[in-house]
Amino acid sequence: MALMIELLVMAAMGALGWLGGQSGVAHALAKASAISATEVRTVEEIHAQAQRSCLFFAAGIAALMLGRLVSARRGVVNIPSNLIMPATCAALAIGFALQMGYGDPLQ
């Protein structure tokens, strides 16, 4: 039961990171539209690249979840670490959302 809660929290952190990344891109595009600079990339290209990076992020979270599940099922003497992987996913989500928001989408 604790493993299932841990995996659900990891999935929730992945979803929050995804939403934070999308929000960061939307904010960066709104900020970039306020300045009059020459565009190197179009908005569609930016959204496509943001979607690709969100998919990579989600795949990384899924890989962590799969690794944790395999470790819990295979291990005989595991060190109890119920909060380490969800905390790692939370830190990754925060970093991902910040990185997506602080980039300059036009350059």
N, C-alpha and C. Protein backbone atom coordinates (compact mmCIF):
# COMPACT_ATOMS: atom_id res chain seq x y z
N MET A 1 0.82 -1.19 0.00
CA MET A 1 0.00 0.00 0.00
C MET A 1 0.87 1.26 0.00
N ALA A 2 1.94 1.24 0.77
CA ALA A 2 2.83 2.40 0.82
C ALA A 2 3.51 2.61 -0.53
N LEU A 3 3.82 1.52 -1.22
CA LEU A 3 4.44 1.64 -2.54
C LEU A 3 3.47 2.28 -3.53
N MET A 4 2.21 1.91 -3.46
CA MET A 4 1.22 2.47 -4.37
C MET A 4 1.04 3.97 -4.11
N ILE A 5 1.03 4.36 -2.86
CA ILE A 5 0.92 5.80 -2.53
C ILE A 5 2.15 6.54 -3.03
N GLU A 6 3.31 5.93 -2.87
CA GLU A 6 4.55 6.54 -3.34
C GLU A 6 4.52 6.73 -4.85
N LEU A 7 4.06 5.72 -5.59
CA LEU A 7 3.99 5.84 -7.04
C LEU A 7 2.95 6.87 -7.47
N LEU A 8 1.85 6.95 -6.75
CA LEU A 8 0.84 7.97 -7.07
C LEU A 8 1.36 9.38 -6.83
N VAL A 9 2.11 9.56 -5.76
CA VAL A 9 2.70 10.88 -5.48
C VAL A 9 3.73 11.23 -6.56
N MET A 10 4.49 10.25 -6.99
CA MET A 10 5.46 10.50 -8.07
C MET A 10 4.74 10.90 -9.35
N ALA A 11 3.64 10.21 -9.67
CA ALA A 11 2.87 10.56 -10.86
C ALA A 11 2.27 11.96 -10.73
N ALA A 12 1.80 12.30 -9.54
CA ALA A 12 1.23 13.64 -9.32
C ALA A 12 2.30 14.72 -9.49
N MET A 13 3.51 14.45 -9.01
CA MET A 13 4.58 15.43 -9.18
C MET A 13 4.94 15.57 -10.66
N GLY A 14 4.89 14.48 -11.39
CA GLY A 14 5.13 14.56 -12.84
C GLY A 14 4.07 15.40 -13.53
N ALA A 15 2.81 15.22 -13.14
CA ALA A 15 1.73 16.00 -13.74
C ALA A 15 1.85 17.48 -13.39
N LEU A 16 2.23 17.77 -12.14
CA LEU A 16 2.42 19.17 -11.75
C LEU A 16 3.60 19.80 -12.49
N GLY A 17 4.66 19.03 -12.70
CA GLY A 17 5.78 19.54 -13.48
C GLY A 17 5.39 19.83 -14.92
N TRP A 18 4.58 18.94 -15.49
CA TRP A 18 4.08 19.15 -16.86
C TRP A 18 3.26 20.44 -16.93
N LEU A 19 2.34 20.61 -16.00
CA LEU A 19 1.51 21.82 -15.99
C LEU A 19 2.35 23.07 -15.74
N GLY A 20 3.33 22.96 -14.86
CA GLY A 20 4.22 24.09 -14.60
C GLY A 20 5.04 24.45 -15.82
N GLY A 21 5.50 23.45 -16.55
CA GLY A 21 6.25 23.71 -17.78
C GLY A 21 5.41 24.40 -18.82
N GLN A 22 4.18 23.95 -19.00
CA GLN A 22 3.28 24.58 -19.96
C GLN A 22 2.96 26.01 -19.55
N SER A 23 2.75 26.22 -18.26
CA SER A 23 2.47 27.57 -17.77
C SER A 23 3.69 28.47 -17.96
N GLY A 24 4.87 27.93 -17.72
CA GLY A 24 6.09 28.72 -17.91
C GLY A 24 6.28 29.15 -19.35
N VAL A 25 5.99 28.25 -20.28
CA VAL A 25 6.11 28.60 -21.70
C VAL A 25 5.08 29.66 -22.08
N ALA A 26 3.85 29.51 -21.60
CA ALA A 26 2.83 30.51 -21.90
C ALA A 26 3.21 31.88 -21.35
N HIS A 27 3.77 31.90 -20.14
CA HIS A 27 4.19 33.17 -19.55
C HIS A 27 5.36 33.77 -20.32
N ALA A 28 6.32 32.93 -20.71
CA ALA A 28 7.47 33.44 -21.46
C ALA A 28 7.04 33.99 -22.82
N LEU A 29 6.08 33.33 -23.46
CA LEU A 29 5.58 33.84 -24.74
C LEU A 29 4.83 35.16 -24.56
N ALA A 30 4.07 35.26 -23.48
CA ALA A 30 3.37 36.52 -23.22
C ALA A 30 4.36 37.64 -22.94
N LYS A 31 5.42 37.32 -22.22
CA LYS A 31 6.45 38.32 -21.93
C LYS A 31 7.19 38.71 -23.21
N ALA A 32 7.43 37.74 -24.07
CA ALA A 32 8.15 38.03 -25.31
C ALA A 32 7.30 38.83 -26.28
N SER A 33 5.98 38.66 -26.23
CA SER A 33 5.13 39.43 -27.15
C SER A 33 5.07 40.90 -26.77
N ALA A 34 5.42 41.21 -25.53
CA ALA A 34 5.39 42.60 -25.08
C ALA A 34 6.60 43.38 -25.58
N ILE A 35 7.68 42.70 -25.92
CA ILE A 35 8.87 43.40 -26.42
C ILE A 35 8.89 43.29 -27.94
N SER A 36 9.52 44.24 -28.56
CA SER A 36 9.59 44.24 -30.03
C SER A 36 10.98 43.78 -30.46
N ALA A 37 11.16 42.48 -30.49
CA ALA A 37 12.42 41.91 -30.93
C ALA A 37 12.16 41.06 -32.17
N THR A 38 13.20 40.81 -32.90
CA THR A 38 13.03 39.96 -34.08
C THR A 38 12.86 38.51 -33.64
N GLU A 39 11.92 37.84 -34.26
CA GLU A 39 11.63 36.46 -33.89
C GLU A 39 12.53 35.52 -34.68
N VAL A 40 13.14 34.60 -33.97
CA VAL A 40 13.95 33.58 -34.61
C VAL A 40 13.11 32.32 -34.81
N ARG A 41 12.19 32.06 -33.86
CA ARG A 41 11.30 30.90 -33.93
C ARG A 41 9.85 31.38 -33.86
N THR A 42 8.99 30.62 -34.49
CA THR A 42 7.57 30.95 -34.43
C THR A 42 6.96 30.37 -33.16
N VAL A 43 5.76 30.81 -32.85
CA VAL A 43 5.07 30.33 -31.65
C VAL A 43 4.78 28.83 -31.78
N GLU A 44 4.44 28.38 -32.98
CA GLU A 44 4.17 26.95 -33.19
C GLU A 44 5.42 26.11 -32.95
N GLU A 45 6.57 26.60 -33.38
CA GLU A 45 7.82 25.87 -33.13
C GLU A 45 8.13 25.81 -31.63
N ILE A 46 7.85 26.89 -30.94
CA ILE A 46 8.10 26.92 -29.50
C ILE A 46 7.19 25.94 -28.78
N HIS A 47 5.91 25.92 -29.16
CA HIS A 47 4.98 24.98 -28.53
C HIS A 47 5.36 23.53 -28.85
N ALA A 48 5.82 23.27 -30.07
CA ALA A 48 6.22 21.91 -30.44
C ALA A 48 7.44 21.47 -29.64
N GLN A 49 8.41 22.35 -29.48
CA GLN A 49 9.60 22.01 -28.70
C GLN A 49 9.26 21.87 -27.22
N ALA A 50 8.34 22.69 -26.72
CA ALA A 50 7.92 22.57 -25.32
C ALA A 50 7.18 21.25 -25.10
N GLN A 51 6.35 20.86 -26.06
CA GLN A 51 5.64 19.58 -25.95
C GLN A 51 6.63 18.42 -25.95
N ARG A 52 7.64 18.51 -26.79
CA ARG A 52 8.67 17.46 -26.85
C ARG A 52 9.42 17.36 -25.53
N SER A 53 9.78 18.50 -24.96
CA SER A 53 10.51 18.46 -23.69
C SER A 53 9.61 17.96 -22.56
N CYS A 54 8.32 18.28 -22.60
CA CYS A 54 7.39 17.75 -21.60
C CYS A 54 7.27 16.24 -21.72
N LEU A 55 7.27 15.72 -22.94
CA LEU A 55 7.22 14.27 -23.12
C LEU A 55 8.48 13.60 -22.58
N PHE A 56 9.63 14.22 -22.81
CA PHE A 56 10.88 13.68 -22.25
C PHE A 56 10.84 13.69 -20.72
N PHE A 57 10.32 14.77 -20.16
CA PHE A 57 10.19 14.87 -18.71
C PHE A 57 9.28 13.78 -18.17
N ALA A 58 8.12 13.60 -18.81
CA ALA A 58 7.18 12.57 -18.37
C ALA A 58 7.79 11.17 -18.51
N ALA A 59 8.55 10.96 -19.57
CA ALA A 59 9.21 9.66 -19.74
C ALA A 59 10.25 9.42 -18.64
N GLY A 60 10.93 10.46 -18.23
CA GLY A 60 11.89 10.33 -17.13
C GLY A 60 11.21 9.99 -15.81
N ILE A 61 10.09 10.63 -15.54
CA ILE A 61 9.33 10.32 -14.32
C ILE A 61 8.81 8.88 -14.39
N ALA A 62 8.32 8.48 -15.57
CA ALA A 62 7.83 7.10 -15.72
C ALA A 62 8.96 6.09 -15.52
N ALA A 63 10.16 6.41 -16.01
CA ALA A 63 11.29 5.52 -15.81
C ALA A 63 11.66 5.41 -14.33
N LEU A 64 11.59 6.53 -13.60
CA LEU A 64 11.84 6.48 -12.16
C LEU A 64 10.79 5.64 -11.44
N MET A 65 9.54 5.77 -11.86
CA MET A 65 8.48 4.98 -11.25
C MET A 65 8.66 3.49 -11.55
N LEU A 66 9.02 3.17 -12.78
CA LEU A 66 9.24 1.77 -13.14
C LEU A 66 10.43 1.20 -12.38
N GLY A 67 11.50 1.98 -12.26
CA GLY A 67 12.66 1.53 -11.50
C GLY A 67 12.34 1.30 -10.03
N ARG A 68 11.53 2.17 -9.47
CA ARG A 68 11.13 2.01 -8.05
C ARG A 68 10.26 0.77 -7.88
N LEU A 69 9.36 0.53 -8.83
CA LEU A 69 8.50 -0.64 -8.76
C LEU A 69 9.30 -1.93 -8.89
N VAL A 70 10.23 -1.96 -9.82
CA VAL A 70 11.07 -3.15 -10.00
C VAL A 70 11.94 -3.37 -8.77
N SER A 71 12.49 -2.30 -8.24
CA SER A 71 13.32 -2.41 -7.05
C SER A 71 12.53 -2.95 -5.86
N ALA A 72 11.31 -2.47 -5.70
CA ALA A 72 10.49 -2.92 -4.57
C ALA A 72 10.08 -4.38 -4.72
N ARG A 73 9.81 -4.81 -5.94
CA ARG A 73 9.38 -6.18 -6.16
C ARG A 73 10.55 -7.16 -6.14
N ARG A 74 11.71 -6.74 -6.62
CA ARG A 74 12.85 -7.63 -6.75
C ARG A 74 13.69 -7.70 -5.48
N GLY A 75 13.80 -6.59 -4.78
CA GLY A 75 14.71 -6.52 -3.64
C GLY A 75 14.25 -7.34 -2.45
N VAL A 76 15.21 -7.98 -1.82
CA VAL A 76 14.91 -8.77 -0.63
C VAL A 76 15.10 -7.91 0.62
N VAL A 77 16.19 -7.21 0.66
CA VAL A 77 16.48 -6.34 1.81
C VAL A 77 16.64 -4.91 1.27
N ASN A 78 15.53 -4.23 1.13
CA ASN A 78 15.57 -2.85 0.65
C ASN A 78 15.62 -1.89 1.83
N ILE A 79 16.32 -0.83 1.64
CA ILE A 79 16.33 0.24 2.64
C ILE A 79 15.02 0.99 2.51
N PRO A 80 14.26 1.13 3.58
CA PRO A 80 12.98 1.84 3.46
C PRO A 80 13.21 3.32 3.14
N SER A 81 12.71 3.73 2.00
CA SER A 81 12.90 5.12 1.57
C SER A 81 11.62 5.60 0.91
N ASN A 82 10.58 5.72 1.69
CA ASN A 82 9.27 6.04 1.14
C ASN A 82 9.15 7.46 0.61
N LEU A 83 9.98 8.36 1.06
CA LEU A 83 9.84 9.76 0.64
C LEU A 83 10.93 10.25 -0.28
N ILE A 84 11.94 9.44 -0.53
CA ILE A 84 13.08 9.92 -1.33
C ILE A 84 12.70 10.09 -2.79
N MET A 85 12.06 9.10 -3.40
CA MET A 85 11.72 9.21 -4.82
C MET A 85 10.63 10.26 -5.08
N PRO A 86 9.57 10.36 -4.28
CA PRO A 86 8.62 11.46 -4.51
C PRO A 86 9.27 12.84 -4.33
N ALA A 87 10.17 12.97 -3.37
CA ALA A 87 10.85 14.24 -3.18
C ALA A 87 11.76 14.55 -4.38
N THR A 88 12.38 13.52 -4.93
CA THR A 88 13.20 13.70 -6.13
C THR A 88 12.34 14.16 -7.30
N CYS A 89 11.18 13.54 -7.45
CA CYS A 89 10.27 13.94 -8.53
C CYS A 89 9.76 15.36 -8.32
N ALA A 90 9.52 15.76 -7.09
CA ALA A 90 9.09 17.13 -6.81
C ALA A 90 10.19 18.12 -7.16
N ALA A 91 11.42 17.80 -6.81
CA ALA A 91 12.54 18.69 -7.15
C ALA A 91 12.73 18.77 -8.66
N LEU A 92 12.57 17.65 -9.34
CA LEU A 92 12.67 17.66 -10.81
C LEU A 92 11.56 18.50 -11.43
N ALA A 93 10.35 18.40 -10.88
CA ALA A 93 9.22 19.17 -11.41
C ALA A 93 9.44 20.66 -11.22
N ILE A 94 9.94 21.05 -10.07
CA ILE A 94 10.21 22.47 -9.81
C ILE A 94 11.29 22.98 -10.77
N GLY A 95 12.36 22.23 -10.90
CA GLY A 95 13.43 22.63 -11.81
C GLY A 95 12.98 22.70 -13.26
N PHE A 96 12.17 21.74 -13.67
CA PHE A 96 11.67 21.72 -15.04
C PHE A 96 10.78 22.94 -15.31
N ALA A 97 9.87 23.22 -14.40
CA ALA A 97 8.97 24.36 -14.59
C ALA A 97 9.75 25.68 -14.60
N LEU A 98 10.72 25.81 -13.73
CA LEU A 98 11.52 27.05 -13.72
C LEU A 98 12.34 27.18 -14.99
N GLN A 99 12.92 26.10 -15.45
CA GLN A 99 13.73 26.15 -16.66
C GLN A 99 12.87 26.51 -17.87
N MET A 100 11.67 25.98 -17.93
CA MET A 100 10.78 26.29 -19.05
C MET A 100 10.32 27.75 -19.02
N GLY A 101 10.18 28.31 -17.84
CA GLY A 101 9.69 29.67 -17.72
C GLY A 101 10.74 30.74 -17.89
N TYR A 102 11.99 30.43 -17.57
CA TYR A 102 13.02 31.47 -17.61
C TYR A 102 13.77 31.54 -18.92
N GLY A 103 13.48 30.64 -19.84
CA GLY A 103 14.15 30.70 -21.13
C GLY A 103 13.60 31.83 -21.99
N ASP A 104 14.37 32.28 -22.96
CA ASP A 104 13.91 33.28 -23.90
C ASP A 104 13.40 32.54 -25.14
N PRO A 105 12.10 32.47 -25.34
CA PRO A 105 11.57 31.63 -26.39
C PRO A 105 11.85 32.16 -27.80
N LEU A 106 12.18 33.43 -27.91
CA LEU A 106 12.40 33.98 -29.24
C LEU A 106 13.80 33.71 -29.76
N GLN A 107 14.73 33.42 -28.90
CA GLN A 107 16.12 33.24 -29.33
C GLN A 107 16.50 31.81 -29.45
